[in-house]
Amino acid sequence: MKKDYPRYTLRVSKELLFKLSYIADFYGRTKNREIEYVLKKHITEFEKQYGVIPVPDDIADEE
């Protein structure tokens, strides 16, 4: 089932997009899933160092 995620436009250089595509293909992911993976990994590392970022109940994921 597809979730109703908000959309966000990301502007990056052609070179960065190409390299992202290469890495995503290498791991069998879409570019979107690769971006999600990298963001989640970065947030996890940030929270380990600085503490959990509180998220309001009305925007928390229902995963």
N, C-alpha and C. Protein backbone atom coordinates (compact mmCIF):
# COMPACT_ATOMS: atom_id res chain seq x y z
N MET A 1 0.85 -1.18 0.00
CA MET A 1 0.00 0.00 0.00
C MET A 1 0.90 1.25 0.00
N LYS A 2 0.60 2.16 -0.89
CA LYS A 2 1.38 3.39 -1.01
C LYS A 2 0.93 4.39 0.04
N LYS A 3 1.91 4.97 0.76
CA LYS A 3 1.59 5.97 1.78
C LYS A 3 1.53 7.35 1.17
N ASP A 4 0.85 8.23 1.83
CA ASP A 4 0.70 9.61 1.36
C ASP A 4 1.80 10.47 1.96
N TYR A 5 3.03 10.29 1.47
CA TYR A 5 4.15 11.06 1.97
C TYR A 5 4.17 12.45 1.33
N PRO A 6 4.61 13.45 2.08
CA PRO A 6 4.76 14.76 1.45
C PRO A 6 5.90 14.73 0.44
N ARG A 7 5.80 15.57 -0.57
CA ARG A 7 6.84 15.64 -1.59
C ARG A 7 7.79 16.78 -1.25
N TYR A 8 9.05 16.57 -1.65
CA TYR A 8 10.09 17.57 -1.42
C TYR A 8 11.00 17.60 -2.65
N THR A 9 11.17 18.76 -3.23
CA THR A 9 12.04 18.89 -4.39
C THR A 9 13.47 19.09 -3.92
N LEU A 10 14.37 18.29 -4.47
CA LEU A 10 15.78 18.36 -4.10
C LEU A 10 16.58 18.75 -5.34
N ARG A 11 17.34 19.81 -5.24
CA ARG A 11 18.17 20.24 -6.36
C ARG A 11 19.62 19.84 -6.09
N VAL A 12 20.19 19.07 -7.00
CA VAL A 12 21.58 18.63 -6.87
C VAL A 12 22.24 18.70 -8.23
N SER A 13 23.56 18.68 -8.23
CA SER A 13 24.30 18.72 -9.50
C SER A 13 24.08 17.42 -10.28
N LYS A 14 24.32 17.48 -11.58
CA LYS A 14 24.20 16.28 -12.42
C LYS A 14 25.18 15.21 -11.98
N GLU A 15 26.38 15.64 -11.59
CA GLU A 15 27.39 14.67 -11.14
C GLU A 15 26.93 13.95 -9.87
N LEU A 16 26.40 14.70 -8.91
CA LEU A 16 25.93 14.08 -7.67
C LEU A 16 24.76 13.14 -7.95
N LEU A 17 23.86 13.54 -8.83
CA LEU A 17 22.72 12.68 -9.17
C LEU A 17 23.19 11.41 -9.87
N PHE A 18 24.17 11.54 -10.74
CA PHE A 18 24.72 10.36 -11.42
C PHE A 18 25.33 9.39 -10.41
N LYS A 19 26.13 9.93 -9.49
CA LYS A 19 26.78 9.08 -8.48
C LYS A 19 25.75 8.44 -7.55
N LEU A 20 24.71 9.18 -7.20
CA LEU A 20 23.62 8.62 -6.39
C LEU A 20 22.96 7.47 -7.13
N SER A 21 22.70 7.66 -8.42
CA SER A 21 22.09 6.60 -9.24
C SER A 21 22.98 5.37 -9.29
N TYR A 22 24.28 5.58 -9.43
CA TYR A 22 25.23 4.47 -9.49
C TYR A 22 25.18 3.65 -8.19
N ILE A 23 25.22 4.35 -7.05
CA ILE A 23 25.20 3.67 -5.75
C ILE A 23 23.86 2.97 -5.54
N ALA A 24 22.76 3.65 -5.87
CA ALA A 24 21.44 3.04 -5.72
C ALA A 24 21.33 1.77 -6.55
N ASP A 25 21.78 1.83 -7.80
CA ASP A 25 21.76 0.64 -8.66
C ASP A 25 22.62 -0.48 -8.08
N PHE A 26 23.77 -0.13 -7.56
CA PHE A 26 24.68 -1.12 -6.97
C PHE A 26 23.99 -1.90 -5.86
N TYR A 27 23.21 -1.19 -5.03
CA TYR A 27 22.52 -1.83 -3.91
C TYR A 27 21.11 -2.29 -4.24
N GLY A 28 20.68 -2.12 -5.48
CA GLY A 28 19.35 -2.57 -5.90
C GLY A 28 18.23 -1.70 -5.34
N ARG A 29 18.51 -0.42 -5.15
CA ARG A 29 17.51 0.50 -4.64
C ARG A 29 17.17 1.54 -5.71
N THR A 30 16.05 2.20 -5.50
CA THR A 30 15.74 3.36 -6.32
C THR A 30 16.52 4.54 -5.76
N LYS A 31 16.62 5.61 -6.53
CA LYS A 31 17.30 6.80 -6.02
C LYS A 31 16.57 7.33 -4.79
N ASN A 32 15.26 7.30 -4.81
CA ASN A 32 14.49 7.77 -3.66
C ASN A 32 14.80 6.95 -2.41
N ARG A 33 14.82 5.63 -2.55
CA ARG A 33 15.11 4.76 -1.40
C ARG A 33 16.54 4.96 -0.91
N GLU A 34 17.46 5.21 -1.83
CA GLU A 34 18.85 5.45 -1.42
C GLU A 34 18.94 6.76 -0.62
N ILE A 35 18.24 7.79 -1.06
CA ILE A 35 18.22 9.05 -0.31
C ILE A 35 17.61 8.83 1.07
N GLU A 36 16.51 8.09 1.14
CA GLU A 36 15.89 7.79 2.44
C GLU A 36 16.86 7.04 3.35
N TYR A 37 17.58 6.06 2.78
CA TYR A 37 18.54 5.28 3.56
C TYR A 37 19.62 6.18 4.14
N VAL A 38 20.18 7.04 3.30
CA VAL A 38 21.26 7.93 3.74
C VAL A 38 20.75 8.91 4.81
N LEU A 39 19.56 9.46 4.60
CA LEU A 39 18.99 10.39 5.58
C LEU A 39 18.74 9.71 6.93
N LYS A 40 18.16 8.52 6.90
CA LYS A 40 17.89 7.79 8.14
C LYS A 40 19.19 7.46 8.88
N LYS A 41 20.21 7.05 8.13
CA LYS A 41 21.51 6.74 8.72
C LYS A 41 22.10 7.99 9.38
N HIS A 42 22.03 9.10 8.70
CA HIS A 42 22.57 10.36 9.23
C HIS A 42 21.80 10.80 10.48
N ILE A 43 20.49 10.68 10.45
CA ILE A 43 19.68 11.06 11.62
C ILE A 43 19.99 10.16 12.81
N THR A 44 20.14 8.86 12.56
CA THR A 44 20.48 7.92 13.63
C THR A 44 21.81 8.30 14.28
N GLU A 45 22.80 8.61 13.46
CA GLU A 45 24.10 9.02 13.99
C GLU A 45 24.01 10.33 14.77
N PHE A 46 23.23 11.26 14.27
CA PHE A 46 23.03 12.54 14.96
C PHE A 46 22.39 12.32 16.32
N GLU A 47 21.34 11.49 16.35
CA GLU A 47 20.63 11.24 17.60
C GLU A 47 21.49 10.48 18.61
N LYS A 48 22.37 9.64 18.15
CA LYS A 48 23.29 8.95 19.07
C LYS A 48 24.20 9.95 19.77
N GLN A 49 24.60 10.98 19.04
CA GLN A 49 25.51 11.97 19.59
C GLN A 49 24.79 13.05 20.41
N TYR A 50 23.64 13.49 19.94
CA TYR A 50 22.99 14.64 20.56
C TYR A 50 21.65 14.35 21.24
N GLY A 51 21.17 13.12 21.13
CA GLY A 51 19.89 12.76 21.73
C GLY A 51 18.78 12.71 20.70
N VAL A 52 17.72 12.03 21.09
CA VAL A 52 16.59 11.81 20.19
C VAL A 52 15.90 13.14 19.88
N ILE A 53 15.58 13.33 18.62
CA ILE A 53 14.85 14.52 18.18
C ILE A 53 13.37 14.25 18.41
N PRO A 54 12.71 15.06 19.24
CA PRO A 54 11.29 14.84 19.49
C PRO A 54 10.45 15.20 18.26
N VAL A 55 9.50 14.34 17.94
CA VAL A 55 8.61 14.56 16.79
C VAL A 55 7.19 14.69 17.31
N PRO A 56 6.49 15.76 16.96
CA PRO A 56 5.10 15.91 17.40
C PRO A 56 4.24 14.73 16.95
N ASP A 57 3.28 14.35 17.77
CA ASP A 57 2.42 13.21 17.47
C ASP A 57 1.72 13.33 16.13
N ASP A 58 1.35 14.54 15.74
CA ASP A 58 0.57 14.69 14.51
C ASP A 58 1.40 14.51 13.25
N ILE A 59 2.73 14.44 13.36
CA ILE A 59 3.54 14.18 12.16
C ILE A 59 4.40 12.93 12.28
N ALA A 60 4.31 12.22 13.36
CA ALA A 60 5.10 11.00 13.55
C ALA A 60 4.64 9.93 12.57
N ASP A 61 5.60 9.15 12.02
CA ASP A 61 5.30 8.05 11.11
C ASP A 61 4.52 6.97 11.83
N GLU A 62 3.66 6.30 11.09
CA GLU A 62 2.88 5.20 11.65
C GLU A 62 3.42 3.87 11.15
N GLU A 63 4.75 3.75 11.04
CA GLU A 63 5.36 2.53 10.50
C GLU A 63 5.32 1.42 11.48
